[in-house]
C-alpha atoms as a PDB file:
ATOM      1  CA  MET A   1      13.118  33.010 -78.260  1.00  0.00           C
ATOM      2  CA  PHE A   2      14.387  29.406 -78.465  1.00  0.00           C
ATOM      3  CA  HIS A   3      17.403  30.177 -76.479  1.00  0.00           C
ATOM      4  CA  GLN A   4      15.458  31.917 -73.684  1.00  0.00           C
ATOM      5  CA  VAL A   5      13.067  28.953 -73.449  1.00  0.00           C
ATOM      6  CA  SER A   6      15.839  26.512 -73.445  1.00  0.00           C
ATOM      7  CA  ARG A   7      17.753  28.567 -70.486  1.00  0.00           C
ATOM      8  CA  PHE A   8      14.431  28.587 -68.671  1.00  0.00           C
ATOM      9  CA  VAL A   9      14.060  24.884 -69.003  1.00  0.00           C
ATOM     10  CA  SER A  10      17.706  24.298 -67.896  1.00  0.00           C
ATOM     11  CA  ARG A  11      17.520  26.287 -65.070  1.00  0.00           C
ATOM     12  CA  PHE A  12      14.086  24.700 -63.924  1.00  0.00           C
ATOM     13  CA  ARG A  13      15.647  21.153 -64.091  1.00  0.00           C
ATOM     14  CA  ASP A  14      18.485  22.327 -62.048  1.00  0.00           C
ATOM     15  CA  LEU A  15      16.192  23.571 -59.371  1.00  0.00           C
ATOM     16  CA  GLU A  16      14.237  20.431 -59.473  1.00  0.00           C
ATOM     17  CA  GLN A  17      17.322  18.533 -58.783  1.00  0.00           C
ATOM     18  CA  GLN A  18      18.355  20.784 -55.914  1.00  0.00           C
ATOM     19  CA  GLU A  19      17.004  19.961 -52.221  1.00  0.00           C
ATOM     20  CA  PHE A  20      14.324  22.207 -51.220  1.00  0.00           C
ATOM     21  CA  ALA A  21      15.278  24.112 -48.013  1.00  0.00           C
ATOM     22  CA  HIS A  22      12.559  24.898 -45.361  1.00  0.00           C
ATOM     23  CA  THR A  23      12.583  28.233 -43.659  1.00  0.00           C
ATOM     24  CA  SER A  24      12.611  28.090 -39.908  1.00  0.00           C
ATOM     25  CA  GLU A  25       8.756  28.965 -39.753  1.00  0.00           C
ATOM     26  CA  GLU A  26       8.125  26.256 -42.156  1.00  0.00           C
ATOM     27  CA  GLU A  27      10.082  23.689 -40.082  1.00  0.00           C
ATOM     28  CA  ARG A  28       8.272  24.736 -36.945  1.00  0.00           C
ATOM     29  CA  GLN A  29       4.891  24.200 -38.462  1.00  0.00           C
ATOM     30  CA  TRP A  30       5.954  20.681 -39.791  1.00  0.00           C
ATOM     31  CA  ARG A  31       7.200  19.795 -36.262  1.00  0.00           C
ATOM     32  CA  LEU A  32       3.972  20.996 -34.803  1.00  0.00           C
ATOM     33  CA  LEU A  33       1.934  18.898 -37.531  1.00  0.00           C
ATOM     34  CA  LYS A  34       4.079  15.691 -36.660  1.00  0.00           C
ATOM     35  CA  GLU A  35       3.558  16.245 -32.822  1.00  0.00           C
ATOM     36  CA  LYS A  36      -0.110  16.453 -33.369  1.00  0.00           C
ATOM     37  CA  LEU A  37      -0.518  13.504 -35.534  1.00  0.00           C
ATOM     38  CA  ALA A  38       1.375  11.416 -32.791  1.00  0.00           C
ATOM     39  CA  ALA A  39      -0.850  12.873 -30.227  1.00  0.00           C
ATOM     40  CA  THR A  40      -3.875  11.827 -32.116  1.00  0.00           C
ATOM     41  CA  HIS A  41      -2.622   8.267 -32.351  1.00  0.00           C
ATOM     42  CA  THR A  42      -2.022   8.062 -28.545  1.00  0.00           C
ATOM     43  CA  VAL A  43      -5.446   9.366 -27.770  1.00  0.00           C
ATOM     44  CA  GLU A  44      -6.991   6.685 -29.906  1.00  0.00           C
ATOM     45  CA  GLN A  45      -4.943   4.314 -28.025  1.00  0.00           C
ATOM     46  CA  GLN A  46      -6.065   5.479 -24.670  1.00  0.00           C
ATOM     47  CA  GLU A  47      -9.831   5.605 -25.707  1.00  0.00           C
ATOM     48  CA  ALA A  48      -9.391   1.870 -26.636  1.00  0.00           C
ATOM     49  CA  THR A  49      -8.322   1.082 -23.182  1.00  0.00           C
ATOM     50  CA  ILE A  50     -10.814   3.008 -21.105  1.00  0.00           C
ATOM     51  CA  ARG A  51     -10.743   1.692 -17.540  1.00  0.00           C
ATOM     52  CA  LYS A  52     -13.747   1.660 -15.376  1.00  0.00           C
ATOM     53  CA  CYS A  53     -14.257   0.737 -11.448  1.00  0.00           C
ATOM     54  CA  ILE A  54     -17.566  -0.415 -10.480  1.00  0.00           C
ATOM     55  CA  ALA A  55     -18.688  -0.960  -6.848  1.00  0.00           C
ATOM     56  CA  VAL A  56     -21.633  -3.486  -6.394  1.00  0.00           C
ATOM     57  CA  THR A  57     -23.423  -3.539  -3.092  1.00  0.00           C
ATOM     58  CA  SER A  58     -26.711  -4.959  -1.692  1.00  0.00           C
ATOM     59  CA  LEU A  59     -29.232  -2.847   0.265  1.00  0.00           C
ATOM     60  CA  TYR A  60     -29.380  -5.837   2.801  1.00  0.00           C
ATOM     61  CA  PRO A  61     -27.686  -9.470   3.024  1.00  0.00           C
ATOM     62  CA  GLN A  62     -28.897 -11.950   0.384  1.00  0.00           C
ATOM     63  CA  ALA A  63     -30.260  -9.428  -1.957  1.00  0.00           C
ATOM     64  CA  GLY A  64     -27.556 -10.653  -4.537  1.00  0.00           C
ATOM     65  CA  ALA A  65     -24.601  -8.149  -4.917  1.00  0.00           C
ATOM     66  CA  SER A  66     -22.099 -11.018  -4.884  1.00  0.00           C
ATOM     67  CA  PHE A  67     -24.146 -12.881  -7.337  1.00  0.00           C
ATOM     68  CA  VAL A  68     -24.552 -10.134  -9.695  1.00  0.00           C
ATOM     69  CA  ALA A  69     -20.924  -9.037  -9.437  1.00  0.00           C
ATOM     70  CA  GLY A  70     -19.381 -12.585  -9.784  1.00  0.00           C
ATOM     71  CA  ASN A  71     -21.506 -13.489 -12.728  1.00  0.00           C
ATOM     72  CA  ILE A  72     -21.195 -10.330 -14.715  1.00  0.00           C
ATOM     73  CA  ALA A  73     -17.365 -10.464 -14.275  1.00  0.00           C
ATOM     74  CA  TYR A  74     -17.395 -13.945 -15.469  1.00  0.00           C
ATOM     75  CA  ALA A  75     -19.459 -13.080 -18.570  1.00  0.00           C
ATOM     76  CA  TRP A  76     -17.367 -10.131 -19.460  1.00  0.00           C
ATOM     77  CA  ALA A  77     -14.265 -11.919 -19.188  1.00  0.00           C
ATOM     78  CA  GLY A  78     -15.746 -14.731 -21.273  1.00  0.00           C
ATOM     79  CA  GLN A  79     -15.945 -11.882 -24.152  1.00  0.00           C
ATOM     80  CA  GLY A  80     -12.269 -11.251 -23.839  1.00  0.00           C
ATOM     81  CA  ILE A  81     -12.384  -8.344 -21.418  1.00  0.00           C
ATOM     82  CA  PRO A  82      -9.702  -8.214 -18.678  1.00  0.00           C
ATOM     83  CA  VAL A  83     -11.686  -8.163 -15.461  1.00  0.00           C
ATOM     84  CA  THR A  84     -10.536  -8.063 -11.808  1.00  0.00           C
ATOM     85  CA  LEU A  85     -13.048  -9.179  -9.383  1.00  0.00           C
ATOM     86  CA  CYS A  86     -12.536  -8.522  -5.656  1.00  0.00           C
ATOM     87  CA  GLU A  87     -14.311  -7.804  -2.341  1.00  0.00           C
ATOM     88  CA  MET A  88     -13.750  -5.137   0.528  1.00  0.00           C
ATOM     89  CA  PRO A  89     -10.276  -5.742   2.061  1.00  0.00           C
ATOM     90  CA  THR A  90     -11.549  -5.540   5.494  1.00  0.00           C
ATOM     91  CA  GLN A  91     -14.019  -8.404   5.429  1.00  0.00           C
ATOM     92  CA  THR A  92     -13.624 -12.323   5.215  1.00  0.00           C
ATOM     93  CA  SER A  93     -13.806 -13.301   1.791  1.00  0.00           C
ATOM     94  CA  TYR A  94     -17.137 -14.717   0.576  1.00  0.00           C
ATOM     95  CA  PHE A  95     -15.599 -15.969  -2.790  1.00  0.00           C
ATOM     96  CA  TYR A  96     -13.025 -17.974  -0.860  1.00  0.00           C
ATOM     97  CA  PHE A  97     -15.701 -20.309   0.421  1.00  0.00           C
ATOM     98  CA  ALA A  98     -18.170 -19.818  -2.659  1.00  0.00           C
ATOM     99  CA  LEU A  99     -15.648 -20.852  -5.104  1.00  0.00           C
ATOM    100  CA  ASP A 100     -13.832 -23.498  -3.172  1.00  0.00           C
ATOM    101  CA  TYR A 101     -10.536 -21.547  -3.361  1.00  0.00           C
ATOM    102  CA  GLU A 102      -8.060 -24.104  -2.123  1.00  0.00           C
ATOM    103  CA  ARG A 103      -9.282 -26.760  -4.214  1.00  0.00           C
ATOM    104  CA  ARG A 104      -8.990 -24.536  -7.269  1.00  0.00           C
ATOM    105  CA  VAL A 105      -5.580 -23.200  -6.802  1.00  0.00           C
ATOM    106  CA  ARG A 106      -4.029 -26.797  -6.172  1.00  0.00           C
ATOM    107  CA  SER A 107      -5.414 -27.505  -9.640  1.00  0.00           C
ATOM    108  CA  PHE A 108      -2.787 -25.387 -11.366  1.00  0.00           C
ATOM    109  CA  LYS A 109       0.523 -23.604 -10.457  1.00  0.00           C
ATOM    110  CA  ASN A 110      -0.216 -20.208  -9.060  1.00  0.00           C
ATOM    111  CA  LEU A 111       2.701 -18.282  -9.566  1.00  0.00           C
ATOM    112  CA  SER A 112       1.249 -14.997  -7.965  1.00  0.00           C
ATOM    113  CA  PRO A 113       2.431 -14.194  -4.399  1.00  0.00           C
ATOM    114  CA  THR A 114      -0.832 -12.809  -3.722  1.00  0.00           C
ATOM    115  CA  SER A 115      -4.259 -14.784  -3.221  1.00  0.00           C
ATOM    116  CA  LEU A 116      -5.259 -14.775  -6.788  1.00  0.00           C
ATOM    117  CA  LEU A 117      -7.441 -16.957  -8.833  1.00  0.00           C
ATOM    118  CA  LEU A 118      -7.563 -16.923 -12.485  1.00  0.00           C
ATOM    119  CA  MET A 119     -10.532 -17.898 -14.681  1.00  0.00           C
ATOM    120  CA  GLN A 120     -11.844 -17.315 -18.095  1.00  0.00           C
ATOM    121  CA  ASN A 121      -8.349 -17.969 -20.074  1.00  0.00           C
ATOM    122  CA  ASN A 122      -6.866 -15.886 -17.321  1.00  0.00           C
ATOM    123  CA  GLN A 123      -8.995 -12.809 -18.416  1.00  0.00           C
ATOM    124  CA  LEU A 124     -10.726 -13.033 -15.027  1.00  0.00           C
ATOM    125  CA  ARG A 125      -8.684 -12.078 -12.096  1.00  0.00           C
ATOM    126  CA  ILE A 126     -10.041 -12.770  -8.740  1.00  0.00           C
ATOM    127  CA  GLN A 127      -8.546 -11.393  -5.587  1.00  0.00           C
ATOM    128  CA  ILE A 128      -9.106 -13.423  -2.625  1.00  0.00           C
ATOM    129  CA  ASP A 129      -7.882 -12.931   0.943  1.00  0.00           C
ATOM    130  CA  THR A 130      -7.975 -16.072   2.758  1.00  0.00           C
ATOM    131  CA  PRO A 131      -9.555 -16.247   6.220  1.00  0.00           C
ATOM    132  CA  PHE A 132      -6.175 -16.423   7.701  1.00  0.00           C
ATOM    133  CA  HIS A 133      -5.156 -13.108   6.293  1.00  0.00           C
ATOM    134  CA  SER A 134      -4.560 -10.242   8.769  1.00  0.00           C
ATOM    135  CA  GLN A 135      -7.506  -8.292   9.121  1.00  0.00           C
ATOM    136  CA  GLN A 136      -5.544  -5.623  11.095  1.00  0.00           C
ATOM    137  CA  GLU A 137      -3.260  -5.216   8.088  1.00  0.00           C
ATOM    138  CA  SER A 138      -6.186  -4.762   5.759  1.00  0.00           C
ATOM    139  CA  SER A 139      -7.854  -2.373   7.999  1.00  0.00           C
ATOM    140  CA  ARG A 140      -4.793   0.195   7.551  1.00  0.00           C
ATOM    141  CA  MET A 141      -4.420  -0.003   3.821  1.00  0.00           C
ATOM    142  CA  ASP A 142      -4.992   2.929   1.646  1.00  0.00           C
ATOM    143  CA  ILE A 143      -8.218   2.345  -0.177  1.00  0.00           C
ATOM    144  CA  ALA A 144      -7.079   4.657  -3.228  1.00  0.00           C
ATOM    145  CA  ASN A 145      -3.729   2.864  -3.638  1.00  0.00           C
ATOM    146  CA  TRP A 146      -5.556  -0.479  -3.542  1.00  0.00           C
ATOM    147  CA  ILE A 147      -8.027   0.476  -6.032  1.00  0.00           C
ATOM    148  CA  LEU A 148      -5.107   1.996  -8.340  1.00  0.00           C
ATOM    149  CA  ARG A 149      -3.103  -1.394  -8.125  1.00  0.00           C
ATOM    150  CA  LEU A 150      -6.063  -3.491  -9.168  1.00  0.00           C
ATOM    151  CA  SER A 151      -6.724  -1.211 -12.161  1.00  0.00           C
ATOM    152  CA  LYS A 152      -3.486  -1.690 -13.560  1.00  0.00           C
ATOM    153  CA  ASP A 153      -4.137  -5.459 -14.865  1.00  0.00           C
ATOM    154  CA  SER A 154      -7.827  -5.105 -16.064  1.00  0.00           C
ATOM    155  CA  SER A 155     -10.140  -2.779 -18.024  1.00  0.00           C
ATOM    156  CA  ILE A 156     -12.798  -3.314 -15.581  1.00  0.00           C
ATOM    157  CA  VAL A 157     -12.514  -3.729 -11.783  1.00  0.00           C
ATOM    158  CA  LEU A 158     -15.555  -5.005  -9.920  1.00  0.00           C
ATOM    159  CA  ILE A 159     -15.738  -4.552  -6.151  1.00  0.00           C
ATOM    160  CA  ASP A 160     -18.223  -6.586  -4.231  1.00  0.00           C
ATOM    161  CA  VAL A 161     -19.171  -4.486  -1.347  1.00  0.00           C
ATOM    162  CA  SER A 162     -21.965  -6.824  -0.357  1.00  0.00           C
ATOM    163  CA  SER A 163     -24.432  -5.451   2.360  1.00  0.00           C
ATOM    164  CA  TYR A 164     -21.377  -3.511   4.096  1.00  0.00           C
ATOM    165  CA  TRP A 165     -22.556  -0.174   2.574  1.00  0.00           C
ATOM    166  CA  ASN A 166     -22.517   1.648   5.960  1.00  0.00           C
ATOM    167  CA  HIS A 167     -18.867   0.852   6.554  1.00  0.00           C
ATOM    168  CA  SER A 168     -16.241   3.581   6.274  1.00  0.00           C
ATOM    169  CA  GLU A 169     -14.177   1.631   3.783  1.00  0.00           C
ATOM    170  CA  ALA A 170     -17.491   1.285   1.584  1.00  0.00           C
ATOM    171  CA  ARG A 171     -17.924   4.933   1.596  1.00  0.00           C
ATOM    172  CA  GLN A 172     -14.146   5.356   0.333  1.00  0.00           C
ATOM    173  CA  ILE A 173     -14.878   2.930  -2.370  1.00  0.00           C
ATOM    174  CA  PHE A 174     -18.241   4.539  -3.493  1.00  0.00           C
ATOM    175  CA  GLU A 175     -16.140   7.910  -3.545  1.00  0.00           C
ATOM    176  CA  LEU A 176     -13.580   6.626  -5.876  1.00  0.00           C
ATOM    177  CA  ALA A 177     -15.677   4.213  -8.135  1.00  0.00           C
ATOM    178  CA  ASP A 178     -16.973   5.174 -11.737  1.00  0.00           C
ATOM    179  CA  GLU A 179     -20.448   3.692 -10.831  1.00  0.00           C
ATOM    180  CA  VAL A 180     -22.006   2.306  -7.765  1.00  0.00           C
ATOM    181  CA  TRP A 181     -24.637  -0.637  -8.484  1.00  0.00           C
ATOM    182  CA  VAL A 182     -27.231  -0.942  -5.729  1.00  0.00           C
ATOM    183  CA  VAL A 183     -28.781  -4.283  -5.785  1.00  0.00           C
ATOM    184  CA  PHE A 184     -32.184  -5.186  -4.126  1.00  0.00           C
ATOM    185  CA  ASP A 185     -34.625  -8.093  -4.424  1.00  0.00           C
ATOM    186  CA  THR A 186     -38.374  -9.117  -4.308  1.00  0.00           C
ATOM    187  CA  ASP A 187     -38.590  -8.694  -0.444  1.00  0.00           C
ATOM    188  CA  ILE A 188     -40.420  -5.280  -0.808  1.00  0.00           C
ATOM    189  CA  ALA A 189     -41.295  -5.433   3.171  1.00  0.00           C
ATOM    190  CA  ARG A 190     -37.675  -5.485   3.988  1.00  0.00           C
ATOM    191  CA  LEU A 191     -36.790  -2.798   1.620  1.00  0.00           C
ATOM    192  CA  THR A 192     -39.429  -0.514   2.759  1.00  0.00           C
ATOM    193  CA  ARG A 193     -38.328  -1.326   6.394  1.00  0.00           C
ATOM    194  CA  LEU A 194     -34.898  -0.369   5.802  1.00  0.00           C
ATOM    195  CA  PHE A 195     -35.904   3.016   4.170  1.00  0.00           C
ATOM    196  CA  LEU A 196     -37.923   3.839   7.167  1.00  0.00           C
ATOM    197  CA  VAL A 197     -35.681   2.811   9.833  1.00  0.00           C
ATOM    198  CA  GLU A 198     -32.251   3.567   8.591  1.00  0.00           C
ATOM    199  CA  PRO A 199     -31.134   7.355   8.032  1.00  0.00           C
ATOM    200  CA  THR A 200     -30.055   8.216   4.690  1.00  0.00           C
ATOM    201  CA  PRO A 201     -26.436   7.383   4.029  1.00  0.00           C
ATOM    202  CA  GLY A 202     -24.048  10.157   2.881  1.00  0.00           C
ATOM    203  CA  TRP A 203     -22.877   8.466  -0.111  1.00  0.00           C
ATOM    204  CA  TRP A 204     -26.658   8.301  -1.374  1.00  0.00           C
ATOM    205  CA  VAL A 205     -26.571  11.898  -1.820  1.00  0.00           C
ATOM    206  CA  ALA A 206     -22.937  12.596  -2.575  1.00  0.00           C
ATOM    207  CA  GLU A 207     -22.705   9.890  -5.331  1.00  0.00           C
ATOM    208  CA  LYS A 208     -26.027  10.110  -6.670  1.00  0.00           C
ATOM    209  CA  SER A 209     -24.722  10.600 -10.151  1.00  0.00           C
ATOM    210  CA  LYS A 210     -23.119   7.248  -9.983  1.00  0.00           C
ATOM    211  CA  LEU A 211     -26.113   5.164  -8.612  1.00  0.00           C
ATOM    212  CA  ARG A 212     -27.428   2.354 -10.692  1.00  0.00           C
ATOM    213  CA  PHE A 213     -30.390   0.375  -9.393  1.00  0.00           C
ATOM    214  CA  ILE A 214     -30.557  -3.266 -10.042  1.00  0.00           C
ATOM    215  CA  ALA A 215     -33.774  -5.079  -9.260  1.00  0.00           C
ATOM    216  CA  ASN A 216     -32.658  -8.900  -8.638  1.00  0.00           C
ATOM    217  CA  LYS A 217     -34.866 -12.089  -9.070  1.00  0.00           C
ATOM    218  CA  TRP A 218     -37.542  -9.988 -10.657  1.00  0.00           C
ATOM    219  CA  ASN A 219     -40.561 -11.285 -12.622  1.00  0.00           C
ATOM    220  CA  THR A 220     -43.094  -9.918 -15.018  1.00  0.00           C
ATOM    221  CA  HIS A 221     -45.684  -8.990 -12.304  1.00  0.00           C
ATOM    222  CA  LEU A 222     -43.316  -6.819 -10.435  1.00  0.00           C
ATOM    223  CA  SER A 223     -42.164  -5.249 -13.901  1.00  0.00           C
ATOM    224  CA  ARG A 224     -45.595  -3.629 -14.300  1.00  0.00           C
ATOM    225  CA  SER A 225     -45.301   0.102 -14.314  1.00  0.00           C
ATOM    226  CA  SER A 226     -47.690   0.320 -11.203  1.00  0.00           C
ATOM    227  CA  VAL A 227     -45.414  -1.774  -9.185  1.00  0.00           C
ATOM    228  CA  MET A 228     -42.196  -0.190 -10.473  1.00  0.00           C
ATOM    229  CA  LYS A 229     -43.342   3.317  -9.395  1.00  0.00           C
ATOM    230  CA  LYS A 230     -44.036   1.950  -5.872  1.00  0.00           C
ATOM    231  CA  VAL A 231     -40.819   0.506  -5.614  1.00  0.00           C
ATOM    232  CA  GLU A 232     -39.114   3.685  -6.948  1.00  0.00           C
ATOM    233  CA  GLY A 233     -41.173   5.612  -4.470  1.00  0.00           C
ATOM    234  CA  THR A 234     -39.724   3.630  -1.634  1.00  0.00           C
ATOM    235  CA  LEU A 235     -36.202   4.237  -2.852  1.00  0.00           C
ATOM    236  CA  SER A 236     -36.802   7.814  -3.038  1.00  0.00           C
ATOM    237  CA  LEU A 237     -37.498   7.835   0.732  1.00  0.00           C
ATOM    238  CA  TRP A 238     -33.747   8.530   1.182  1.00  0.00           C
ATOM    239  CA  GLY A 239     -33.838  11.553  -1.243  1.00  0.00           C
ATOM    240  CA  PRO A 240     -34.441  12.232  -4.868  1.00  0.00           C
ATOM    241  CA  SER A 241     -31.416  10.398  -6.014  1.00  0.00           C
ATOM    242  CA  VAL A 242     -33.685   7.909  -7.724  1.00  0.00           C
ATOM    243  CA  SER A 243     -35.068   8.409 -11.219  1.00  0.00           C
ATOM    244  CA  GLN A 244     -35.730   4.946 -12.192  1.00  0.00           C
ATOM    245  CA  ILE A 245     -34.620   1.171 -11.796  1.00  0.00           C
ATOM    246  CA  ASN A 246     -31.979   0.848 -14.515  1.00  0.00           C
ATOM    247  CA  TYR A 247     -31.627  -2.733 -14.638  1.00  0.00           C
ATOM    248  CA  GLN A 248     -33.669  -6.084 -13.974  1.00  0.00           C
ATOM    249  CA  ILE A 249     -32.542  -9.603 -13.526  1.00  0.00           C
ATOM    250  CA  ALA A 250     -35.023 -12.221 -13.706  1.00  0.00           C
ATOM    251  CA  ARG A 251     -35.251 -15.267 -11.114  1.00  0.00           C
ATOM    252  CA  VAL A 252     -33.041 -17.916 -12.216  1.00  0.00           C
ATOM    253  CA  ASP A 253     -33.977 -21.529 -11.913  1.00  0.00           C
ATOM    254  CA  GLU A 254     -33.584 -22.356  -8.192  1.00  0.00           C
ATOM    255  CA  GLU A 255     -32.303 -25.856  -8.923  1.00  0.00           C
ATOM    256  CA  LYS A 256     -29.657 -24.283 -11.030  1.00  0.00           C
ATOM    257  CA  VAL A 257     -28.551 -21.916  -8.416  1.00  0.00           C
ATOM    258  CA  ALA A 258     -28.454 -24.540  -5.727  1.00  0.00           C
ATOM    259  CA  MET A 259     -26.429 -26.829  -8.229  1.00  0.00           C
ATOM    260  CA  ALA A 260     -23.826 -24.070  -8.524  1.00  0.00           C
ATOM    261  CA  HIS A 261     -23.618 -23.367  -4.912  1.00  0.00           C
ATOM    262  CA  VAL A 262     -23.026 -26.981  -4.293  1.00  0.00           C
ATOM    263  CA  LYS A 263     -20.366 -27.516  -6.725  1.00  0.00           C
ATOM    264  CA  ALA A 264     -18.694 -24.162  -5.775  1.00  0.00           C
ATOM    265  CA  ASN A 265     -19.073 -22.585  -9.251  1.00  0.00           C
ATOM    266  CA  PHE A 266     -20.556 -19.320 -10.500  1.00  0.00           C
ATOM    267  CA  LEU A 267     -24.053 -19.852 -12.088  1.00  0.00           C
ATOM    268  CA  LEU A 268     -22.739 -19.065 -15.627  1.00  0.00           C
ATOM    269  CA  GLU A 269     -19.641 -21.320 -15.162  1.00  0.00           C
ATOM    270  CA  LEU A 270     -22.020 -24.133 -14.794  1.00  0.00           C
ATOM    271  CA  PHE A 271     -24.890 -23.049 -16.823  1.00  0.00           C
ATOM    272  CA  PRO A 272     -23.649 -20.740 -19.561  1.00  0.00           C
ATOM    273  CA  GLU A 273     -27.093 -20.725 -21.289  1.00  0.00           C
ATOM    274  CA  GLU A 274     -28.330 -18.371 -18.401  1.00  0.00           C
ATOM    275  CA  GLU A 275     -26.154 -15.567 -19.649  1.00  0.00           C
ATOM    276  CA  SER A 276     -29.133 -14.108 -21.192  1.00  0.00           C
ATOM    277  CA  GLN A 277     -30.630 -13.103 -17.794  1.00  0.00           C
ATOM    278  CA  PHE A 278     -27.703 -10.482 -17.501  1.00  0.00           C
ATOM    279  CA  GLN A 279     -27.869  -9.182 -21.026  1.00  0.00           C
ATOM    280  CA  SER A 280     -29.148  -5.826 -20.137  1.00  0.00           C
ATOM    281  CA  LEU A 281     -26.021  -5.418 -17.743  1.00  0.00           C
ATOM    282  CA  ILE A 282     -23.536  -6.770 -20.477  1.00  0.00           C
ATOM    283  CA  TYR A 283     -24.808  -4.607 -23.155  1.00  0.00           C
ATOM    284  CA  ALA A 284     -25.568  -1.607 -21.176  1.00  0.00           C
ATOM    285  CA  HIS A 285     -21.752  -1.287 -20.623  1.00  0.00           C
ATOM    286  CA  LYS A 286     -20.112  -2.934 -23.611  1.00  0.00           C
ATOM    287  CA  GLY A 287     -20.288  -0.116 -25.825  1.00  0.00           C
ATOM    288  CA  ARG A 288     -18.949   2.547 -23.318  1.00  0.00           C
ATOM    289  CA  VAL A 289     -16.336   0.361 -21.675  1.00  0.00           C
ATOM    290  CA  LEU A 290     -14.363  -1.297 -24.561  1.00  0.00           C
END
């Protein structure tokens, strides 16, 4: 009995020292497992760098599309989020004048061959076409390729469509964007006139799942449910796309707004304490974008 046990132990030790050989089926399963683990890591990396394109438009001039787009872009970039801010390529740039582009680019060495303004520790990239840029060249550009190029450098692309929502390029942008922010202000008479006079634009219906409605320069009186229902009723004159006003931005101190304009700054660039006015928009997208 002792000799049998001794032989068994010896044989066990010999097998233990030998390299275990996998069958072809075991090798295949092991290879699939490694590929699955690698793919899971890739998906996690992709989820961490989700990209989003947001078009911001005003229903009429001076309602605040550029104000909202510029300050939200500045706020996001301040949190370390790579953001690209641009305008419709077929229009003379508003930000060229609003931010005193020529003075700013002279203050640092601009290595880019394009009209690019860098701000917020280079997290905010502002694409600006100067007034001397060939509008004929812009009108021939492929909007899809243009947006794709912009998206390569930033997690978020904000396109300021301003009040040009009825242009063909704007319709293409709305179709390709992930979200369309529609901005209006407290001029309720002007808002009502627009919806009664203008026919319903195609994108209002086709892109209804993307629409987010932003009430700018709002106050506590207008925030009452009875008033909000009247405003939402006006918006629904173009069709049942509107379920509710998604965000409200309070009226900012007029002196601060005027000072920012005079000094060619974003409002939040000059008065960072006013960022609280934009918190609903900042927090609404922070969890989903980043």
